[in-house]
Amino acid sequence: MGVVTYNFEVTSPISPARLFKALTVESGKVFPKAAPHAVKSVELQGNGGPGSIAKINFAEGLPYQYVKHEIESHDQDNLSYSYSVIEGGPLGDKLEKISFENKFVAGADGGSVCKSLMKFYTIGDCVFTEEEIKDQIQRMDRVYKAVEAYLETNPDVCN
């Protein structure tokens, strides 16, 4: 097994606390409303803390039916959380799991910056290319931007 590490940042006009809440605590309510073209539903097994499993069911016509996330840490005070994709989605012949460490901080313009560290755990000697990583990031970014747009048009959500 190999590990490919990738860092990236996403900026948003939404405050760190509000964006954190929408993408973690309230994701089961927000994702299907913000991105119905991508997310059909979110099912949570557990209380949302470490050890909980979130199953995200995707809309028909997308390349994946679902993905399961295992929540590893959730720190509302520091606006950080980590989880691993443990089933479904891009996992298969090449990837055993994908781990994410995310932290939301204040942006220079009053919005926020989400700083992410991704770790792709490959199976055997498989290679996961930068092009494949960027493809995964683009898929996530579409949902992220949809959540951002939803929050901008619904100012009372996740306050």
N, C-alpha and C. Protein backbone atom coordinates (compact mmCIF):
# COMPACT_ATOMS: atom_id res chain seq x y z
N MET A 1 0.85 -1.18 0.00
CA MET A 1 0.00 0.00 0.00
C MET A 1 0.89 1.23 0.00
N GLY A 2 0.52 2.20 -0.83
CA GLY A 2 1.20 3.48 -0.85
C GLY A 2 0.24 4.56 -0.41
N VAL A 3 0.79 5.72 -0.09
CA VAL A 3 -0.03 6.86 0.30
C VAL A 3 0.39 8.06 -0.53
N VAL A 4 -0.58 8.67 -1.20
CA VAL A 4 -0.35 9.88 -1.97
C VAL A 4 -1.02 11.01 -1.20
N THR A 5 -0.24 12.04 -0.86
CA THR A 5 -0.75 13.16 -0.07
C THR A 5 -0.93 14.37 -0.97
N TYR A 6 -2.01 15.11 -0.73
CA TYR A 6 -2.30 16.28 -1.55
C TYR A 6 -2.93 17.35 -0.67
N ASN A 7 -2.39 18.56 -0.71
CA ASN A 7 -2.93 19.71 0.03
C ASN A 7 -3.66 20.62 -0.94
N PHE A 8 -4.77 21.18 -0.48
CA PHE A 8 -5.44 22.20 -1.29
C PHE A 8 -6.27 23.11 -0.39
N GLU A 9 -6.60 24.29 -0.91
CA GLU A 9 -7.41 25.26 -0.18
C GLU A 9 -8.54 25.74 -1.07
N VAL A 10 -9.68 26.03 -0.44
CA VAL A 10 -10.83 26.57 -1.14
C VAL A 10 -11.27 27.81 -0.37
N THR A 11 -11.46 28.91 -1.07
CA THR A 11 -11.94 30.13 -0.43
C THR A 11 -13.44 30.27 -0.63
N SER A 12 -14.07 30.98 0.28
CA SER A 12 -15.52 31.16 0.22
C SER A 12 -15.89 32.50 0.85
N PRO A 13 -16.96 33.13 0.37
CA PRO A 13 -17.43 34.36 1.01
C PRO A 13 -18.23 34.07 2.30
N ILE A 14 -18.51 32.80 2.57
CA ILE A 14 -19.28 32.38 3.75
C ILE A 14 -18.35 32.32 4.96
N SER A 15 -18.84 32.71 6.14
CA SER A 15 -18.03 32.69 7.36
C SER A 15 -17.59 31.27 7.69
N PRO A 16 -16.44 31.11 8.35
CA PRO A 16 -15.95 29.76 8.68
C PRO A 16 -16.95 28.94 9.51
N ALA A 17 -17.55 29.56 10.53
CA ALA A 17 -18.46 28.80 11.41
C ALA A 17 -19.70 28.33 10.65
N ARG A 18 -20.23 29.18 9.81
CA ARG A 18 -21.44 28.82 9.06
C ARG A 18 -21.15 27.74 8.02
N LEU A 19 -20.04 27.87 7.32
CA LEU A 19 -19.68 26.87 6.31
C LEU A 19 -19.37 25.53 6.96
N PHE A 20 -18.65 25.55 8.09
CA PHE A 20 -18.35 24.33 8.85
C PHE A 20 -19.65 23.62 9.23
N LYS A 21 -20.59 24.38 9.75
CA LYS A 21 -21.87 23.80 10.18
C LYS A 21 -22.61 23.18 9.00
N ALA A 22 -22.63 23.87 7.86
CA ALA A 22 -23.34 23.36 6.68
C ALA A 22 -22.71 22.09 6.13
N LEU A 23 -21.38 22.02 6.18
CA LEU A 23 -20.67 20.88 5.59
C LEU A 23 -20.48 19.70 6.55
N THR A 24 -20.76 19.93 7.83
CA THR A 24 -20.60 18.84 8.80
C THR A 24 -21.89 18.58 9.57
N VAL A 25 -22.19 19.43 10.54
CA VAL A 25 -23.32 19.21 11.45
C VAL A 25 -24.65 19.11 10.71
N GLU A 26 -24.88 19.98 9.75
CA GLU A 26 -26.17 20.04 9.05
C GLU A 26 -26.11 19.46 7.63
N SER A 27 -25.05 18.74 7.30
CA SER A 27 -24.88 18.25 5.93
C SER A 27 -26.04 17.38 5.46
N GLY A 28 -26.63 16.62 6.35
CA GLY A 28 -27.75 15.76 5.98
C GLY A 28 -28.95 16.54 5.49
N LYS A 29 -29.13 17.76 5.99
CA LYS A 29 -30.23 18.62 5.55
C LYS A 29 -29.81 19.50 4.38
N VAL A 30 -28.57 19.99 4.43
CA VAL A 30 -28.11 20.98 3.45
C VAL A 30 -27.77 20.36 2.10
N PHE A 31 -27.02 19.26 2.07
CA PHE A 31 -26.56 18.70 0.80
C PHE A 31 -27.70 18.42 -0.19
N PRO A 32 -28.76 17.70 0.21
CA PRO A 32 -29.82 17.40 -0.77
C PRO A 32 -30.55 18.65 -1.27
N LYS A 33 -30.63 19.70 -0.44
CA LYS A 33 -31.29 20.93 -0.86
C LYS A 33 -30.37 21.77 -1.75
N ALA A 34 -29.09 21.83 -1.39
CA ALA A 34 -28.14 22.65 -2.12
C ALA A 34 -27.70 22.02 -3.43
N ALA A 35 -27.62 20.71 -3.45
CA ALA A 35 -27.10 20.01 -4.63
C ALA A 35 -27.96 18.81 -5.00
N PRO A 36 -29.26 19.05 -5.28
CA PRO A 36 -30.13 17.91 -5.62
C PRO A 36 -29.70 17.20 -6.90
N HIS A 37 -28.93 17.87 -7.74
CA HIS A 37 -28.40 17.26 -8.96
C HIS A 37 -27.33 16.22 -8.65
N ALA A 38 -26.78 16.28 -7.43
CA ALA A 38 -25.69 15.39 -7.04
C ALA A 38 -26.03 14.50 -5.85
N VAL A 39 -26.69 15.05 -4.83
CA VAL A 39 -26.93 14.31 -3.59
C VAL A 39 -28.42 14.08 -3.40
N LYS A 40 -28.78 12.79 -3.31
CA LYS A 40 -30.17 12.41 -3.09
C LYS A 40 -30.50 12.47 -1.59
N SER A 41 -29.61 11.92 -0.76
CA SER A 41 -29.85 11.91 0.68
C SER A 41 -28.55 11.63 1.43
N VAL A 42 -28.59 11.91 2.73
CA VAL A 42 -27.47 11.59 3.62
C VAL A 42 -28.05 10.84 4.82
N GLU A 43 -27.48 9.68 5.10
CA GLU A 43 -27.92 8.87 6.25
C GLU A 43 -26.79 8.84 7.26
N LEU A 44 -27.09 9.10 8.52
CA LEU A 44 -26.07 9.10 9.58
C LEU A 44 -26.30 7.95 10.53
N GLN A 45 -25.25 7.16 10.75
CA GLN A 45 -25.27 6.11 11.76
C GLN A 45 -24.38 6.58 12.89
N GLY A 46 -24.96 6.88 14.04
CA GLY A 46 -24.21 7.40 15.17
C GLY A 46 -24.66 8.81 15.47
N ASN A 47 -23.90 9.48 16.35
CA ASN A 47 -24.29 10.81 16.81
C ASN A 47 -23.59 11.95 16.06
N GLY A 48 -22.83 11.61 15.03
CA GLY A 48 -22.11 12.63 14.26
C GLY A 48 -20.69 12.85 14.73
N GLY A 49 -20.34 12.23 15.84
CA GLY A 49 -18.98 12.35 16.37
C GLY A 49 -18.09 11.24 15.84
N PRO A 50 -16.87 11.16 16.38
CA PRO A 50 -15.94 10.12 15.95
C PRO A 50 -16.56 8.72 16.00
N GLY A 51 -16.31 7.96 14.95
CA GLY A 51 -16.86 6.61 14.84
C GLY A 51 -18.19 6.55 14.09
N SER A 52 -18.84 7.69 13.92
CA SER A 52 -20.10 7.72 13.17
C SER A 52 -19.82 7.48 11.69
N ILE A 53 -20.82 6.96 11.01
CA ILE A 53 -20.73 6.71 9.57
C ILE A 53 -21.80 7.54 8.87
N ALA A 54 -21.37 8.31 7.88
CA ALA A 54 -22.30 9.07 7.06
C ALA A 54 -22.32 8.44 5.67
N LYS A 55 -23.50 8.05 5.22
CA LYS A 55 -23.66 7.50 3.88
C LYS A 55 -24.32 8.56 3.01
N ILE A 56 -23.62 8.98 1.97
CA ILE A 56 -24.14 9.97 1.05
C ILE A 56 -24.61 9.23 -0.20
N ASN A 57 -25.91 9.30 -0.46
CA ASN A 57 -26.50 8.65 -1.64
C ASN A 57 -26.58 9.68 -2.76
N PHE A 58 -26.00 9.33 -3.91
CA PHE A 58 -25.93 10.26 -5.03
C PHE A 58 -27.15 10.14 -5.95
N ALA A 59 -27.39 11.20 -6.67
CA ALA A 59 -28.49 11.24 -7.63
C ALA A 59 -28.23 10.25 -8.77
N GLU A 60 -29.30 9.80 -9.39
CA GLU A 60 -29.17 8.88 -10.52
C GLU A 60 -28.43 9.54 -11.67
N GLY A 61 -27.68 8.73 -12.39
CA GLY A 61 -26.94 9.23 -13.53
C GLY A 61 -25.51 9.63 -13.23
N LEU A 62 -25.14 9.67 -11.96
CA LEU A 62 -23.77 9.99 -11.60
C LEU A 62 -22.92 8.72 -11.61
N PRO A 63 -21.60 8.86 -11.70
CA PRO A 63 -20.73 7.68 -11.79
C PRO A 63 -20.78 6.77 -10.55
N TYR A 64 -21.13 7.34 -9.39
CA TYR A 64 -21.16 6.55 -8.16
C TYR A 64 -22.56 6.57 -7.57
N GLN A 65 -22.95 5.46 -6.93
CA GLN A 65 -24.26 5.39 -6.28
C GLN A 65 -24.24 6.03 -4.90
N TYR A 66 -23.13 5.79 -4.17
CA TYR A 66 -23.03 6.28 -2.80
C TYR A 66 -21.56 6.31 -2.39
N VAL A 67 -21.35 6.91 -1.22
CA VAL A 67 -20.04 6.88 -0.58
C VAL A 67 -20.28 6.87 0.92
N LYS A 68 -19.45 6.14 1.66
CA LYS A 68 -19.55 6.13 3.11
C LYS A 68 -18.32 6.81 3.71
N HIS A 69 -18.58 7.74 4.62
CA HIS A 69 -17.53 8.44 5.36
C HIS A 69 -17.53 7.95 6.79
N GLU A 70 -16.35 7.65 7.32
CA GLU A 70 -16.21 7.39 8.75
C GLU A 70 -15.62 8.65 9.37
N ILE A 71 -16.36 9.22 10.31
CA ILE A 71 -15.91 10.44 10.97
C ILE A 71 -14.86 10.08 12.01
N GLU A 72 -13.71 10.73 11.90
CA GLU A 72 -12.60 10.43 12.81
C GLU A 72 -12.45 11.49 13.91
N SER A 73 -12.69 12.75 13.56
CA SER A 73 -12.69 13.80 14.57
C SER A 73 -13.62 14.91 14.12
N HIS A 74 -14.17 15.59 15.11
CA HIS A 74 -15.10 16.69 14.84
C HIS A 74 -14.93 17.69 15.97
N ASP A 75 -14.30 18.82 15.68
CA ASP A 75 -13.98 19.83 16.69
C ASP A 75 -14.67 21.13 16.32
N GLN A 76 -15.85 21.33 16.88
CA GLN A 76 -16.65 22.51 16.55
C GLN A 76 -15.98 23.79 17.05
N ASP A 77 -15.25 23.73 18.15
CA ASP A 77 -14.59 24.92 18.68
C ASP A 77 -13.48 25.41 17.76
N ASN A 78 -12.75 24.50 17.15
CA ASN A 78 -11.64 24.86 16.26
C ASN A 78 -12.01 24.74 14.78
N LEU A 79 -13.28 24.46 14.50
CA LEU A 79 -13.80 24.35 13.13
C LEU A 79 -12.94 23.42 12.28
N SER A 80 -12.69 22.24 12.83
CA SER A 80 -11.92 21.24 12.09
C SER A 80 -12.60 19.88 12.21
N TYR A 81 -12.41 19.08 11.19
CA TYR A 81 -12.92 17.71 11.23
C TYR A 81 -12.14 16.86 10.25
N SER A 82 -12.14 15.59 10.54
CA SER A 82 -11.47 14.65 9.64
C SER A 82 -12.36 13.42 9.47
N TYR A 83 -12.23 12.83 8.30
CA TYR A 83 -13.01 11.64 7.98
C TYR A 83 -12.30 10.87 6.89
N SER A 84 -12.72 9.64 6.72
CA SER A 84 -12.18 8.80 5.65
C SER A 84 -13.32 8.23 4.83
N VAL A 85 -13.12 8.22 3.51
CA VAL A 85 -14.04 7.52 2.62
C VAL A 85 -13.66 6.04 2.75
N ILE A 86 -14.60 5.23 3.22
CA ILE A 86 -14.28 3.83 3.51
C ILE A 86 -15.02 2.84 2.60
N GLU A 87 -16.01 3.36 1.85
CA GLU A 87 -16.78 2.47 0.98
C GLU A 87 -17.44 3.28 -0.12
N GLY A 88 -17.57 2.67 -1.29
CA GLY A 88 -18.27 3.30 -2.40
C GLY A 88 -17.44 4.35 -3.10
N GLY A 89 -18.12 5.16 -3.89
CA GLY A 89 -17.46 6.26 -4.59
C GLY A 89 -16.27 5.79 -5.40
N PRO A 90 -15.16 6.51 -5.28
CA PRO A 90 -13.99 6.22 -6.10
C PRO A 90 -13.17 5.01 -5.65
N LEU A 91 -13.55 4.40 -4.53
CA LEU A 91 -12.80 3.25 -4.05
C LEU A 91 -13.04 2.07 -4.98
N GLY A 92 -12.09 1.20 -5.06
CA GLY A 92 -12.24 0.04 -5.94
C GLY A 92 -10.92 -0.66 -6.14
N ASP A 93 -10.49 -0.77 -7.38
CA ASP A 93 -9.27 -1.50 -7.70
C ASP A 93 -8.00 -0.77 -7.29
N LYS A 94 -8.07 0.57 -7.21
CA LYS A 94 -6.86 1.35 -6.94
C LYS A 94 -6.76 1.88 -5.51
N LEU A 95 -7.90 2.20 -4.90
CA LEU A 95 -7.88 2.88 -3.60
C LEU A 95 -8.53 2.05 -2.50
N GLU A 96 -7.83 1.98 -1.38
CA GLU A 96 -8.37 1.34 -0.19
C GLU A 96 -9.26 2.32 0.57
N LYS A 97 -8.77 3.57 0.72
CA LYS A 97 -9.54 4.63 1.37
C LYS A 97 -8.92 5.97 1.01
N ILE A 98 -9.68 7.03 1.30
CA ILE A 98 -9.20 8.39 1.15
C ILE A 98 -9.49 9.10 2.46
N SER A 99 -8.48 9.71 3.06
CA SER A 99 -8.65 10.44 4.31
C SER A 99 -8.56 11.94 4.07
N PHE A 100 -9.37 12.68 4.81
CA PHE A 100 -9.42 14.14 4.71
C PHE A 100 -9.25 14.75 6.08
N GLU A 101 -8.43 15.77 6.16
CA GLU A 101 -8.31 16.61 7.36
C GLU A 101 -8.64 18.02 6.91
N ASN A 102 -9.71 18.58 7.46
CA ASN A 102 -10.20 19.89 7.03
C ASN A 102 -10.22 20.87 8.20
N LYS A 103 -9.84 22.10 7.91
CA LYS A 103 -9.89 23.17 8.91
C LYS A 103 -10.40 24.42 8.22
N PHE A 104 -11.37 25.08 8.85
CA PHE A 104 -11.94 26.31 8.34
C PHE A 104 -11.38 27.48 9.12
N VAL A 105 -10.83 28.45 8.41
CA VAL A 105 -10.25 29.64 9.04
C VAL A 105 -10.81 30.88 8.35
N ALA A 106 -10.67 32.02 9.05
CA ALA A 106 -11.14 33.28 8.49
C ALA A 106 -10.31 33.66 7.27
N GLY A 107 -10.99 34.11 6.23
CA GLY A 107 -10.31 34.58 5.04
C GLY A 107 -10.02 36.07 5.14
N ALA A 108 -9.14 36.56 4.33
CA ALA A 108 -8.73 37.96 4.35
C ALA A 108 -9.89 38.89 4.00
N ASP A 109 -10.85 38.40 3.22
CA ASP A 109 -11.96 39.24 2.76
C ASP A 109 -13.21 39.12 3.62
N GLY A 110 -13.10 38.51 4.79
CA GLY A 110 -14.25 38.34 5.67
C GLY A 110 -14.94 37.00 5.50
N GLY A 111 -14.60 36.26 4.48
CA GLY A 111 -15.18 34.93 4.27
C GLY A 111 -14.35 33.88 4.98
N SER A 112 -14.08 32.79 4.31
CA SER A 112 -13.33 31.72 4.94
C SER A 112 -12.42 31.03 3.93
N VAL A 113 -11.50 30.25 4.48
CA VAL A 113 -10.63 29.39 3.71
C VAL A 113 -10.75 28.00 4.32
N CYS A 114 -11.03 27.00 3.50
CA CYS A 114 -11.02 25.62 3.96
C CYS A 114 -9.68 25.02 3.53
N LYS A 115 -8.88 24.67 4.51
CA LYS A 115 -7.58 24.06 4.24
C LYS A 115 -7.74 22.54 4.40
N SER A 116 -7.39 21.82 3.36
CA SER A 116 -7.59 20.37 3.36
C SER A 116 -6.31 19.62 3.06
N LEU A 117 -6.15 18.54 3.77
CA LEU A 117 -5.08 17.58 3.51
C LEU A 117 -5.77 16.28 3.15
N MET A 118 -5.49 15.78 1.94
CA MET A 118 -6.08 14.53 1.48
C MET A 118 -4.98 13.48 1.42
N LYS A 119 -5.32 12.27 1.82
CA LYS A 119 -4.40 11.14 1.71
C LYS A 119 -5.12 10.02 0.98
N PHE A 120 -4.54 9.63 -0.14
CA PHE A 120 -5.08 8.55 -0.96
C PHE A 120 -4.28 7.29 -0.66
N TYR A 121 -4.93 6.28 -0.10
CA TYR A 121 -4.27 5.02 0.26
C TYR A 121 -4.50 4.04 -0.89
N THR A 122 -3.45 3.76 -1.63
CA THR A 122 -3.57 2.89 -2.80
C THR A 122 -3.47 1.42 -2.41
N ILE A 123 -4.03 0.58 -3.26
CA ILE A 123 -3.99 -0.86 -3.06
C ILE A 123 -2.75 -1.41 -3.77
N GLY A 124 -1.96 -2.17 -3.04
CA GLY A 124 -0.76 -2.77 -3.63
C GLY A 124 0.15 -1.72 -4.21
N ASP A 125 0.61 -1.94 -5.41
CA ASP A 125 1.52 -0.99 -6.04
C ASP A 125 0.81 -0.11 -7.08
N CYS A 126 -0.51 0.01 -6.97
CA CYS A 126 -1.27 0.87 -7.88
C CYS A 126 -0.83 2.32 -7.74
N VAL A 127 -0.94 3.03 -8.82
CA VAL A 127 -0.58 4.45 -8.84
C VAL A 127 -1.85 5.26 -9.02
N PHE A 128 -2.03 6.27 -8.17
CA PHE A 128 -3.15 7.19 -8.29
C PHE A 128 -2.55 8.51 -8.72
N THR A 129 -2.87 8.93 -9.94
CA THR A 129 -2.19 10.06 -10.57
C THR A 129 -2.74 11.41 -10.10
N GLU A 130 -1.98 12.45 -10.38
CA GLU A 130 -2.42 13.80 -10.05
C GLU A 130 -3.69 14.15 -10.83
N GLU A 131 -3.81 13.66 -12.04
CA GLU A 131 -5.02 13.89 -12.83
C GLU A 131 -6.24 13.27 -12.15
N GLU A 132 -6.09 12.07 -11.61
CA GLU A 132 -7.20 11.41 -10.89
C GLU A 132 -7.53 12.17 -9.61
N ILE A 133 -6.51 12.68 -8.93
CA ILE A 133 -6.73 13.48 -7.72
C ILE A 133 -7.52 14.73 -8.07
N LYS A 134 -7.11 15.42 -9.11
CA LYS A 134 -7.80 16.65 -9.51
C LYS A 134 -9.24 16.37 -9.93
N ASP A 135 -9.49 15.22 -10.52
CA ASP A 135 -10.85 14.83 -10.88
C ASP A 135 -11.71 14.68 -9.63
N GLN A 136 -11.16 14.05 -8.59
CA GLN A 136 -11.89 13.89 -7.33
C GLN A 136 -12.17 15.25 -6.69
N ILE A 137 -11.18 16.13 -6.73
CA ILE A 137 -11.36 17.46 -6.15
C ILE A 137 -12.44 18.24 -6.91
N GLN A 138 -12.47 18.13 -8.22
CA GLN A 138 -13.50 18.82 -9.01
C GLN A 138 -14.90 18.33 -8.65
N ARG A 139 -15.04 17.03 -8.43
CA ARG A 139 -16.34 16.47 -8.04
C ARG A 139 -16.79 17.06 -6.70
N MET A 140 -15.87 17.09 -5.73
CA MET A 140 -16.19 17.64 -4.41
C MET A 140 -16.46 19.14 -4.50
N ASP A 141 -15.70 19.83 -5.32
CA ASP A 141 -15.83 21.28 -5.44
C ASP A 141 -17.20 21.67 -5.97
N ARG A 142 -17.78 20.87 -6.85
CA ARG A 142 -19.10 21.19 -7.38
C ARG A 142 -20.15 21.18 -6.26
N VAL A 143 -20.07 20.20 -5.37
CA VAL A 143 -21.01 20.16 -4.25
C VAL A 143 -20.70 21.30 -3.28
N TYR A 144 -19.43 21.54 -3.02
CA TYR A 144 -19.01 22.62 -2.12
C TYR A 144 -19.55 23.96 -2.62
N LYS A 145 -19.40 24.25 -3.90
CA LYS A 145 -19.87 25.51 -4.47
C LYS A 145 -21.40 25.59 -4.45
N ALA A 146 -22.07 24.46 -4.62
CA ALA A 146 -23.53 24.44 -4.54
C ALA A 146 -23.98 24.76 -3.12
N VAL A 147 -23.29 24.23 -2.12
CA VAL A 147 -23.60 24.53 -0.72
C VAL A 147 -23.37 26.02 -0.46
N GLU A 148 -22.27 26.54 -0.95
CA GLU A 148 -21.95 27.96 -0.80
C GLU A 148 -23.07 28.82 -1.41
N ALA A 149 -23.48 28.52 -2.61
CA ALA A 149 -24.55 29.28 -3.28
C ALA A 149 -25.87 29.18 -2.51
N TYR A 150 -26.15 27.99 -1.99
CA TYR A 150 -27.37 27.78 -1.20
C TYR A 150 -27.35 28.66 0.06
N LEU A 151 -26.21 28.70 0.72
CA LEU A 151 -26.09 29.53 1.93
C LEU A 151 -26.20 31.01 1.60
N GLU A 152 -25.67 31.42 0.47
CA GLU A 152 -25.78 32.83 0.08
C GLU A 152 -27.21 33.24 -0.20
N THR A 153 -28.00 32.34 -0.78
CA THR A 153 -29.39 32.67 -1.10
C THR A 153 -30.35 32.36 0.05
N ASN A 154 -29.86 31.70 1.08
CA ASN A 154 -30.67 31.37 2.27
C ASN A 154 -29.92 31.82 3.51
N PRO A 155 -29.91 33.12 3.80
CA PRO A 155 -29.07 33.65 4.88
C PRO A 155 -29.43 33.17 6.29
N ASP A 156 -30.60 32.57 6.47
CA ASP A 156 -30.98 32.08 7.80
C ASP A 156 -30.55 30.64 8.06
N VAL A 157 -30.04 29.95 7.03
CA VAL A 157 -29.64 28.55 7.17
C VAL A 157 -28.25 28.47 7.82
N CYS A 158 -28.11 27.62 8.80
CA CYS A 158 -26.83 27.31 9.47
C CYS A 158 -26.22 28.48 10.22
N ASN A 159 -27.05 29.29 10.81
CA ASN A 159 -26.52 30.39 11.65
C ASN A 159 -26.37 29.97 13.08
